[in-house]
PDB file of N, CA and C in Angstrom:
ATOM      1  N   UNK A   1      10.520 -62.274  21.467  1.00  0.00           N
ATOM      2  CA  UNK A   1      11.837 -62.336  22.059  1.00  0.00           C
ATOM      3  C   UNK A   1      12.314 -60.922  22.353  1.00  0.00           C
ATOM      4  N   UNK A   2      12.808 -60.691  23.525  1.00  0.00           N
ATOM      5  CA  UNK A   2      13.282 -59.368  23.929  1.00  0.00           C
ATOM      6  C   UNK A   2      14.647 -59.074  23.309  1.00  0.00           C
ATOM      7  N   UNK A   3      14.882 -57.816  22.955  1.00  0.00           N
ATOM      8  CA  UNK A   3      16.213 -57.458  22.446  1.00  0.00           C
ATOM      9  C   UNK A   3      17.271 -57.647  23.528  1.00  0.00           C
ATOM     10  N   UNK A   4      18.506 -57.847  23.132  1.00  0.00           N
ATOM     11  CA  UNK A   4      19.581 -58.075  24.094  1.00  0.00           C
ATOM     12  C   UNK A   4      20.082 -56.788  24.729  1.00  0.00           C
ATOM     13  N   UNK A   5      19.616 -55.628  24.263  1.00  0.00           N
ATOM     14  CA  UNK A   5      20.086 -54.365  24.817  1.00  0.00           C
ATOM     15  C   UNK A   5      19.422 -54.027  26.139  1.00  0.00           C
ATOM     16  N   UNK A   6      18.405 -54.745  26.527  1.00  0.00           N
ATOM     17  CA  UNK A   6      17.725 -54.477  27.774  1.00  0.00           C
ATOM     18  C   UNK A   6      16.534 -53.544  27.630  1.00  0.00           C
ATOM     19  N   UNK A   7      16.297 -53.038  26.439  1.00  0.00           N
ATOM     20  CA  UNK A   7      15.154 -52.158  26.195  1.00  0.00           C
ATOM     21  C   UNK A   7      14.009 -53.011  25.678  1.00  0.00           C
ATOM     22  N   UNK A   8      12.867 -52.900  26.330  1.00  0.00           N
ATOM     23  CA  UNK A   8      11.745 -53.736  25.932  1.00  0.00           C
ATOM     24  C   UNK A   8      11.069 -53.192  24.677  1.00  0.00           C
ATOM     25  N   UNK A   9      10.348 -54.054  24.010  1.00  0.00           N
ATOM     26  CA  UNK A   9       9.610 -53.668  22.814  1.00  0.00           C
ATOM     27  C   UNK A   9       8.524 -52.661  23.179  1.00  0.00           C
ATOM     28  N   UNK A  10       7.930 -52.827  24.347  1.00  0.00           N
ATOM     29  CA  UNK A  10       6.884 -51.901  24.800  1.00  0.00           C
ATOM     30  C   UNK A  10       7.442 -50.486  24.997  1.00  0.00           C
ATOM     31  N   UNK A  11       8.653 -50.380  25.499  1.00  0.00           N
ATOM     32  CA  UNK A  11       9.281 -49.066  25.675  1.00  0.00           C
ATOM     33  C   UNK A  11       9.558 -48.413  24.330  1.00  0.00           C
ATOM     34  N   UNK A  12      10.005 -49.192  23.373  1.00  0.00           N
ATOM     35  CA  UNK A  12      10.264 -48.657  22.037  1.00  0.00           C
ATOM     36  C   UNK A  12       8.962 -48.202  21.393  1.00  0.00           C
ATOM     37  N   UNK A  13       7.894 -48.982  21.569  1.00  0.00           N
ATOM     38  CA  UNK A  13       6.585 -48.591  21.032  1.00  0.00           C
ATOM     39  C   UNK A  13       6.096 -47.298  21.665  1.00  0.00           C
ATOM     40  N   UNK A  14       6.302 -47.141  22.958  1.00  0.00           N
ATOM     41  CA  UNK A  14       5.873 -45.931  23.650  1.00  0.00           C
ATOM     42  C   UNK A  14       6.650 -44.718  23.158  1.00  0.00           C
ATOM     43  N   UNK A  15       7.939 -44.862  22.966  1.00  0.00           N
ATOM     44  CA  UNK A  15       8.761 -43.756  22.458  1.00  0.00           C
ATOM     45  C   UNK A  15       8.362 -43.419  21.031  1.00  0.00           C
ATOM     46  N   UNK A  16       8.121 -44.419  20.200  1.00  0.00           N
ATOM     47  CA  UNK A  16       7.708 -44.176  18.818  1.00  0.00           C
ATOM     48  C   UNK A  16       6.344 -43.509  18.764  1.00  0.00           C
ATOM     49  N   UNK A  17       5.445 -43.912  19.646  1.00  0.00           N
ATOM     50  CA  UNK A  17       4.122 -43.288  19.708  1.00  0.00           C
ATOM     51  C   UNK A  17       4.237 -41.826  20.093  1.00  0.00           C
ATOM     52  N   UNK A  18       5.042 -41.551  21.113  1.00  0.00           N
ATOM     53  CA  UNK A  18       5.230 -40.169  21.558  1.00  0.00           C
ATOM     54  C   UNK A  18       5.871 -39.317  20.468  1.00  0.00           C
ATOM     55  N   UNK A  19       6.840 -39.868  19.773  1.00  0.00           N
ATOM     56  CA  UNK A  19       7.494 -39.117  18.700  1.00  0.00           C
ATOM     57  C   UNK A  19       6.537 -38.853  17.547  1.00  0.00           C
ATOM     58  N   UNK A  20       5.724 -39.837  17.211  1.00  0.00           N
ATOM     59  CA  UNK A  20       4.785 -39.665  16.095  1.00  0.00           C
ATOM     60  C   UNK A  20       3.771 -38.578  16.400  1.00  0.00           C
ATOM     61  N   UNK A  21       3.217 -38.569  17.586  1.00  0.00           N
ATOM     62  CA  UNK A  21       2.198 -37.576  17.898  1.00  0.00           C
ATOM     63  C   UNK A  21       2.823 -36.209  18.148  1.00  0.00           C
ATOM     64  N   UNK A  22       4.034 -36.169  18.695  1.00  0.00           N
ATOM     65  CA  UNK A  22       4.695 -34.885  18.943  1.00  0.00           C
ATOM     66  C   UNK A  22       5.085 -34.206  17.633  1.00  0.00           C
ATOM     67  N   UNK A  23       5.761 -34.939  16.772  1.00  0.00           N
ATOM     68  CA  UNK A  23       6.177 -34.347  15.496  1.00  0.00           C
ATOM     69  C   UNK A  23       4.988 -34.130  14.572  1.00  0.00           C
ATOM     70  N   UNK A  24       4.031 -35.040  14.634  1.00  0.00           N
ATOM     71  CA  UNK A  24       2.846 -34.909  13.796  1.00  0.00           C
ATOM     72  C   UNK A  24       1.897 -33.826  14.268  1.00  0.00           C
ATOM     73  N   UNK A  25       2.023 -33.381  15.481  1.00  0.00           N
ATOM     74  CA  UNK A  25       1.199 -32.294  15.981  1.00  0.00           C
ATOM     75  C   UNK A  25       1.877 -30.941  15.886  1.00  0.00           C
ATOM     76  N   UNK A  26       3.207 -30.948  15.895  1.00  0.00           N
ATOM     77  CA  UNK A  26       3.953 -29.696  15.855  1.00  0.00           C
ATOM     78  C   UNK A  26       3.839 -28.988  14.503  1.00  0.00           C
ATOM     79  N   UNK A  27       4.046 -29.713  13.440  1.00  0.00           N
ATOM     80  CA  UNK A  27       4.014 -29.102  12.107  1.00  0.00           C
ATOM     81  C   UNK A  27       2.638 -28.520  11.772  1.00  0.00           C
ATOM     82  N   UNK A  28       1.546 -29.241  11.994  1.00  0.00           N
ATOM     83  CA  UNK A  28       0.239 -28.629  11.735  1.00  0.00           C
ATOM     84  C   UNK A  28      -0.058 -27.435  12.637  1.00  0.00           C
ATOM     85  N   UNK A  29       0.433 -27.465  13.870  1.00  0.00           N
ATOM     86  CA  UNK A  29       0.209 -26.324  14.761  1.00  0.00           C
ATOM     87  C   UNK A  29       0.898 -25.073  14.227  1.00  0.00           C
ATOM     88  N   UNK A  30       2.108 -25.234  13.745  1.00  0.00           N
ATOM     89  CA  UNK A  30       2.826 -24.104  13.150  1.00  0.00           C
ATOM     90  C   UNK A  30       2.113 -23.643  11.884  1.00  0.00           C
ATOM     91  N   UNK A  31       1.672 -24.598  11.065  1.00  0.00           N
ATOM     92  CA  UNK A  31       0.970 -24.259   9.824  1.00  0.00           C
ATOM     93  C   UNK A  31      -0.331 -23.516  10.102  1.00  0.00           C
ATOM     94  N   UNK A  32      -1.080 -23.961  11.099  1.00  0.00           N
ATOM     95  CA  UNK A  32      -2.340 -23.297  11.435  1.00  0.00           C
ATOM     96  C   UNK A  32      -2.079 -21.874  11.903  1.00  0.00           C
ATOM     97  N   UNK A  33      -1.043 -21.682  12.692  1.00  0.00           N
ATOM     98  CA  UNK A  33      -0.682 -20.335  13.130  1.00  0.00           C
ATOM     99  C   UNK A  33      -0.307 -19.430  11.972  1.00  0.00           C
ATOM    100  N   UNK A  34       0.468 -19.947  11.042  1.00  0.00           N
ATOM    101  CA  UNK A  34       0.864 -19.148   9.875  1.00  0.00           C
ATOM    102  C   UNK A  34      -0.320 -18.846   8.965  1.00  0.00           C
ATOM    103  N   UNK A  35      -1.187 -19.831   8.767  1.00  0.00           N
ATOM    104  CA  UNK A  35      -2.368 -19.613   7.926  1.00  0.00           C
ATOM    105  C   UNK A  35      -3.257 -18.538   8.526  1.00  0.00           C
ATOM    106  N   UNK A  36      -3.495 -18.626   9.826  1.00  0.00           N
ATOM    107  CA  UNK A  36      -4.317 -17.614  10.493  1.00  0.00           C
ATOM    108  C   UNK A  36      -3.689 -16.237  10.446  1.00  0.00           C
ATOM    109  N   UNK A  37      -2.399 -16.179  10.678  1.00  0.00           N
ATOM    110  CA  UNK A  37      -1.685 -14.896  10.662  1.00  0.00           C
ATOM    111  C   UNK A  37      -1.735 -14.240   9.289  1.00  0.00           C
ATOM    112  N   UNK A  38      -1.400 -14.997   8.269  1.00  0.00           N
ATOM    113  CA  UNK A  38      -1.386 -14.440   6.912  1.00  0.00           C
ATOM    114  C   UNK A  38      -2.793 -14.117   6.421  1.00  0.00           C
ATOM    115  N   UNK A  39      -3.766 -14.926   6.826  1.00  0.00           N
ATOM    116  CA  UNK A  39      -5.150 -14.641   6.445  1.00  0.00           C
ATOM    117  C   UNK A  39      -5.634 -13.332   7.046  1.00  0.00           C
ATOM    118  N   UNK A  40      -5.318 -13.106   8.311  1.00  0.00           N
ATOM    119  CA  UNK A  40      -5.727 -11.856   8.949  1.00  0.00           C
ATOM    120  C   UNK A  40      -4.975 -10.656   8.379  1.00  0.00           C
ATOM    121  N   UNK A  41      -3.721 -10.855   8.009  1.00  0.00           N
ATOM    122  CA  UNK A  41      -2.979  -9.776   7.338  1.00  0.00           C
ATOM    123  C   UNK A  41      -3.637  -9.412   6.017  1.00  0.00           C
ATOM    124  N   UNK A  42      -4.031 -10.427   5.255  1.00  0.00           N
ATOM    125  CA  UNK A  42      -4.668 -10.180   3.961  1.00  0.00           C
ATOM    126  C   UNK A  42      -6.008  -9.474   4.136  1.00  0.00           C
ATOM    127  N   UNK A  43      -6.776  -9.880   5.138  1.00  0.00           N
ATOM    128  CA  UNK A  43      -8.060  -9.210   5.394  1.00  0.00           C
ATOM    129  C   UNK A  43      -7.833  -7.775   5.843  1.00  0.00           C
ATOM    130  N   UNK A  44      -6.790  -7.552   6.629  1.00  0.00           N
ATOM    131  CA  UNK A  44      -6.472  -6.198   7.067  1.00  0.00           C
ATOM    132  C   UNK A  44      -6.078  -5.295   5.909  1.00  0.00           C
ATOM    133  N   UNK A  45      -5.384  -5.847   4.918  1.00  0.00           N
ATOM    134  CA  UNK A  45      -4.976  -5.051   3.762  1.00  0.00           C
ATOM    135  C   UNK A  45      -6.114  -4.820   2.789  1.00  0.00           C
ATOM    136  N   UNK A  46      -7.006  -5.794   2.669  1.00  0.00           N
ATOM    137  CA  UNK A  46      -8.089  -5.690   1.692  1.00  0.00           C
ATOM    138  C   UNK A  46      -9.393  -6.207   2.310  1.00  0.00           C
ATOM    139  N   UNK A  47     -10.073  -5.392   3.095  1.00  0.00           N
ATOM    140  CA  UNK A  47     -11.276  -5.862   3.792  1.00  0.00           C
ATOM    141  C   UNK A  47     -12.413  -6.293   2.867  1.00  0.00           C
ATOM    142  N   UNK A  48     -12.429  -5.782   1.639  1.00  0.00           N
ATOM    143  CA  UNK A  48     -13.495  -6.171   0.705  1.00  0.00           C
ATOM    144  C   UNK A  48     -13.399  -7.641   0.311  1.00  0.00           C
ATOM    145  N   UNK A  49     -12.218  -8.196   0.361  1.00  0.00           N
ATOM    146  CA  UNK A  49     -12.010  -9.593  -0.028  1.00  0.00           C
ATOM    147  C   UNK A  49     -12.060 -10.535   1.168  1.00  0.00           C
ATOM    148  N   UNK A  50     -12.639 -10.080   2.267  1.00  0.00           N
ATOM    149  CA  UNK A  50     -12.617 -10.868   3.508  1.00  0.00           C
ATOM    150  C   UNK A  50     -13.300 -12.222   3.343  1.00  0.00           C
ATOM    151  N   UNK A  51     -14.412 -12.269   2.625  1.00  0.00           N
ATOM    152  CA  UNK A  51     -15.118 -13.549   2.500  1.00  0.00           C
ATOM    153  C   UNK A  51     -14.311 -14.571   1.687  1.00  0.00           C
ATOM    154  N   UNK A  52     -13.657 -14.119   0.621  1.00  0.00           N
ATOM    155  CA  UNK A  52     -12.836 -15.030  -0.180  1.00  0.00           C
ATOM    156  C   UNK A  52     -11.626 -15.508   0.618  1.00  0.00           C
ATOM    157  N   UNK A  53     -10.994 -14.580   1.322  1.00  0.00           N
ATOM    158  CA  UNK A  53      -9.816 -14.950   2.112  1.00  0.00           C
ATOM    159  C   UNK A  53     -10.221 -15.890   3.239  1.00  0.00           C
ATOM    160  N   UNK A  54     -11.341 -15.591   3.874  1.00  0.00           N
ATOM    161  CA  UNK A  54     -11.773 -16.410   4.997  1.00  0.00           C
ATOM    162  C   UNK A  54     -12.118 -17.829   4.562  1.00  0.00           C
ATOM    163  N   UNK A  55     -12.779 -17.984   3.436  1.00  0.00           N
ATOM    164  CA  UNK A  55     -13.117 -19.337   2.982  1.00  0.00           C
ATOM    165  C   UNK A  55     -11.864 -20.128   2.623  1.00  0.00           C
ATOM    166  N   UNK A  56     -10.904 -19.484   1.978  1.00  0.00           N
ATOM    167  CA  UNK A  56      -9.643 -20.162   1.661  1.00  0.00           C
ATOM    168  C   UNK A  56      -8.865 -20.493   2.925  1.00  0.00           C
ATOM    169  N   UNK A  57      -8.914 -19.581   3.894  1.00  0.00           N
ATOM    170  CA  UNK A  57      -8.200 -19.788   5.144  1.00  0.00           C
ATOM    171  C   UNK A  57      -8.790 -20.975   5.911  1.00  0.00           C
ATOM    172  N   UNK A  58     -10.098 -21.067   5.974  1.00  0.00           N
ATOM    173  CA  UNK A  58     -10.742 -22.180   6.685  1.00  0.00           C
ATOM    174  C   UNK A  58     -10.442 -23.504   5.995  1.00  0.00           C
ATOM    175  N   UNK A  59     -10.418 -23.514   4.678  1.00  0.00           N
ATOM    176  CA  UNK A  59     -10.074 -24.735   3.947  1.00  0.00           C
ATOM    177  C   UNK A  59      -8.638 -25.160   4.250  1.00  0.00           C
ATOM    178  N   UNK A  60      -7.719 -24.205   4.248  1.00  0.00           N
ATOM    179  CA  UNK A  60      -6.334 -24.517   4.592  1.00  0.00           C
ATOM    180  C   UNK A  60      -6.185 -25.014   6.013  1.00  0.00           C
ATOM    181  N   UNK A  61      -6.928 -24.417   6.940  1.00  0.00           N
ATOM    182  CA  UNK A  61      -6.899 -24.877   8.332  1.00  0.00           C
ATOM    183  C   UNK A  61      -7.406 -26.309   8.451  1.00  0.00           C
ATOM    184  N   UNK A  62      -8.433 -26.640   7.704  1.00  0.00           N
ATOM    185  CA  UNK A  62      -8.978 -27.998   7.750  1.00  0.00           C
ATOM    186  C   UNK A  62      -7.967 -29.018   7.232  1.00  0.00           C
ATOM    187  N   UNK A  63      -7.271 -28.674   6.152  1.00  0.00           N
ATOM    188  CA  UNK A  63      -6.259 -29.591   5.625  1.00  0.00           C
ATOM    189  C   UNK A  63      -5.098 -29.751   6.599  1.00  0.00           C
ATOM    190  N   UNK A  64      -4.684 -28.667   7.242  1.00  0.00           N
ATOM    191  CA  UNK A  64      -3.590 -28.753   8.214  1.00  0.00           C
ATOM    192  C   UNK A  64      -4.023 -29.590   9.422  1.00  0.00           C
ATOM    193  N   UNK A  65      -5.245 -29.429   9.855  1.00  0.00           N
ATOM    194  CA  UNK A  65      -5.742 -30.204  10.990  1.00  0.00           C
ATOM    195  C   UNK A  65      -5.869 -31.684  10.628  1.00  0.00           C
ATOM    196  N   UNK A  66      -6.167 -31.982   9.372  1.00  0.00           N
ATOM    197  CA  UNK A  66      -6.259 -33.381   8.937  1.00  0.00           C
ATOM    198  C   UNK A  66      -4.914 -34.081   9.082  1.00  0.00           C
ATOM    199  N   UNK A  67      -3.827 -33.363   8.856  1.00  0.00           N
ATOM    200  CA  UNK A  67      -2.494 -33.960   9.010  1.00  0.00           C
ATOM    201  C   UNK A  67      -2.259 -34.348  10.467  1.00  0.00           C
ATOM    202  N   UNK A  68      -2.714 -33.510  11.391  1.00  0.00           N
ATOM    203  CA  UNK A  68      -2.577 -33.849  12.808  1.00  0.00           C
ATOM    204  C   UNK A  68      -3.400 -35.089  13.155  1.00  0.00           C
ATOM    205  N   UNK A  69      -4.562 -35.208  12.565  1.00  0.00           N
ATOM    206  CA  UNK A  69      -5.394 -36.389  12.820  1.00  0.00           C
ATOM    207  C   UNK A  69      -4.741 -37.638  12.237  1.00  0.00           C
ATOM    208  N   UNK A  70      -4.109 -37.516  11.068  1.00  0.00           N
ATOM    209  CA  UNK A  70      -3.394 -38.655  10.498  1.00  0.00           C
ATOM    210  C   UNK A  70      -2.262 -39.096  11.418  1.00  0.00           C
ATOM    211  N   UNK A  71      -1.550 -38.148  11.995  1.00  0.00           N
ATOM    212  CA  UNK A  71      -0.454 -38.520  12.891  1.00  0.00           C
ATOM    213  C   UNK A  71      -0.991 -39.193  14.154  1.00  0.00           C
ATOM    214  N   UNK A  72      -2.159 -38.776  14.619  1.00  0.00           N
ATOM    215  CA  UNK A  72      -2.777 -39.451  15.760  1.00  0.00           C
ATOM    216  C   UNK A  72      -3.122 -40.891  15.405  1.00  0.00           C
ATOM    217  N   UNK A  73      -3.649 -41.111  14.219  1.00  0.00           N
ATOM    218  CA  UNK A  73      -3.981 -42.472  13.780  1.00  0.00           C
ATOM    219  C   UNK A  73      -2.715 -43.322  13.695  1.00  0.00           C
ATOM    220  N   UNK A  74      -1.647 -42.774  13.151  1.00  0.00           N
ATOM    221  CA  UNK A  74      -0.384 -43.513  13.057  1.00  0.00           C
ATOM    222  C   UNK A  74       0.136 -43.839  14.455  1.00  0.00           C
ATOM    223  N   UNK A  75       0.050 -42.866  15.366  1.00  0.00           N
ATOM    224  CA  UNK A  75       0.511 -43.111  16.736  1.00  0.00           C
ATOM    225  C   UNK A  75      -0.295 -44.216  17.401  1.00  0.00           C
ATOM    226  N   UNK A  76      -1.602 -44.234  17.195  1.00  0.00           N
ATOM    227  CA  UNK A  76      -2.432 -45.278  17.774  1.00  0.00           C
ATOM    228  C   UNK A  76      -2.126 -46.647  17.170  1.00  0.00           C
ATOM    229  N   UNK A  77      -1.850 -46.672  15.872  1.00  0.00           N
ATOM    230  CA  UNK A  77      -1.491 -47.939  15.227  1.00  0.00           C
ATOM    231  C   UNK A  77      -0.175 -48.454  15.787  1.00  0.00           C
ATOM    232  N   UNK A  78       0.807 -47.574  15.945  1.00  0.00           N
ATOM    233  CA  UNK A  78       2.093 -47.989  16.503  1.00  0.00           C
ATOM    234  C   UNK A  78       1.924 -48.501  17.934  1.00  0.00           C
ATOM    235  N   UNK A  79       1.086 -47.831  18.689  1.00  0.00           N
ATOM    236  CA  UNK A  79       0.904 -48.197  20.100  1.00  0.00           C
ATOM    237  C   UNK A  79       0.213 -49.551  20.265  1.00  0.00           C
ATOM    238  N   UNK A  80      -0.811 -49.813  19.471  1.00  0.00           N
ATOM    239  CA  UNK A  80      -1.622 -50.986  19.719  1.00  0.00           C
ATOM    240  C   UNK A  80      -1.373 -52.157  18.779  1.00  0.00           C
ATOM    241  N   UNK A  81      -0.455 -52.019  17.841  1.00  0.00           N
ATOM    242  CA  UNK A  81      -0.183 -53.155  16.935  1.00  0.00           C
ATOM    243  C   UNK A  81       1.181 -53.722  17.201  1.00  0.00           C
TER     244      UNK A  81
END
């Protein structure tokens, strides 16, 4: 049954999908930028610790990217269910 406001369920699903992927992609993008920036600052200050910093930085980047993938999954579920 369609809502009485004139807005279809499909339009609401499309807006919710767009919001989920937009907000779910923005936060990890900012986090990845900050992780990369701070990691390079740390390597610049202490080049001997570059391998330790780099491994921690890559792990943090992977976790931040996983959040973006989760938001994509949520957006797809909202769109197709």
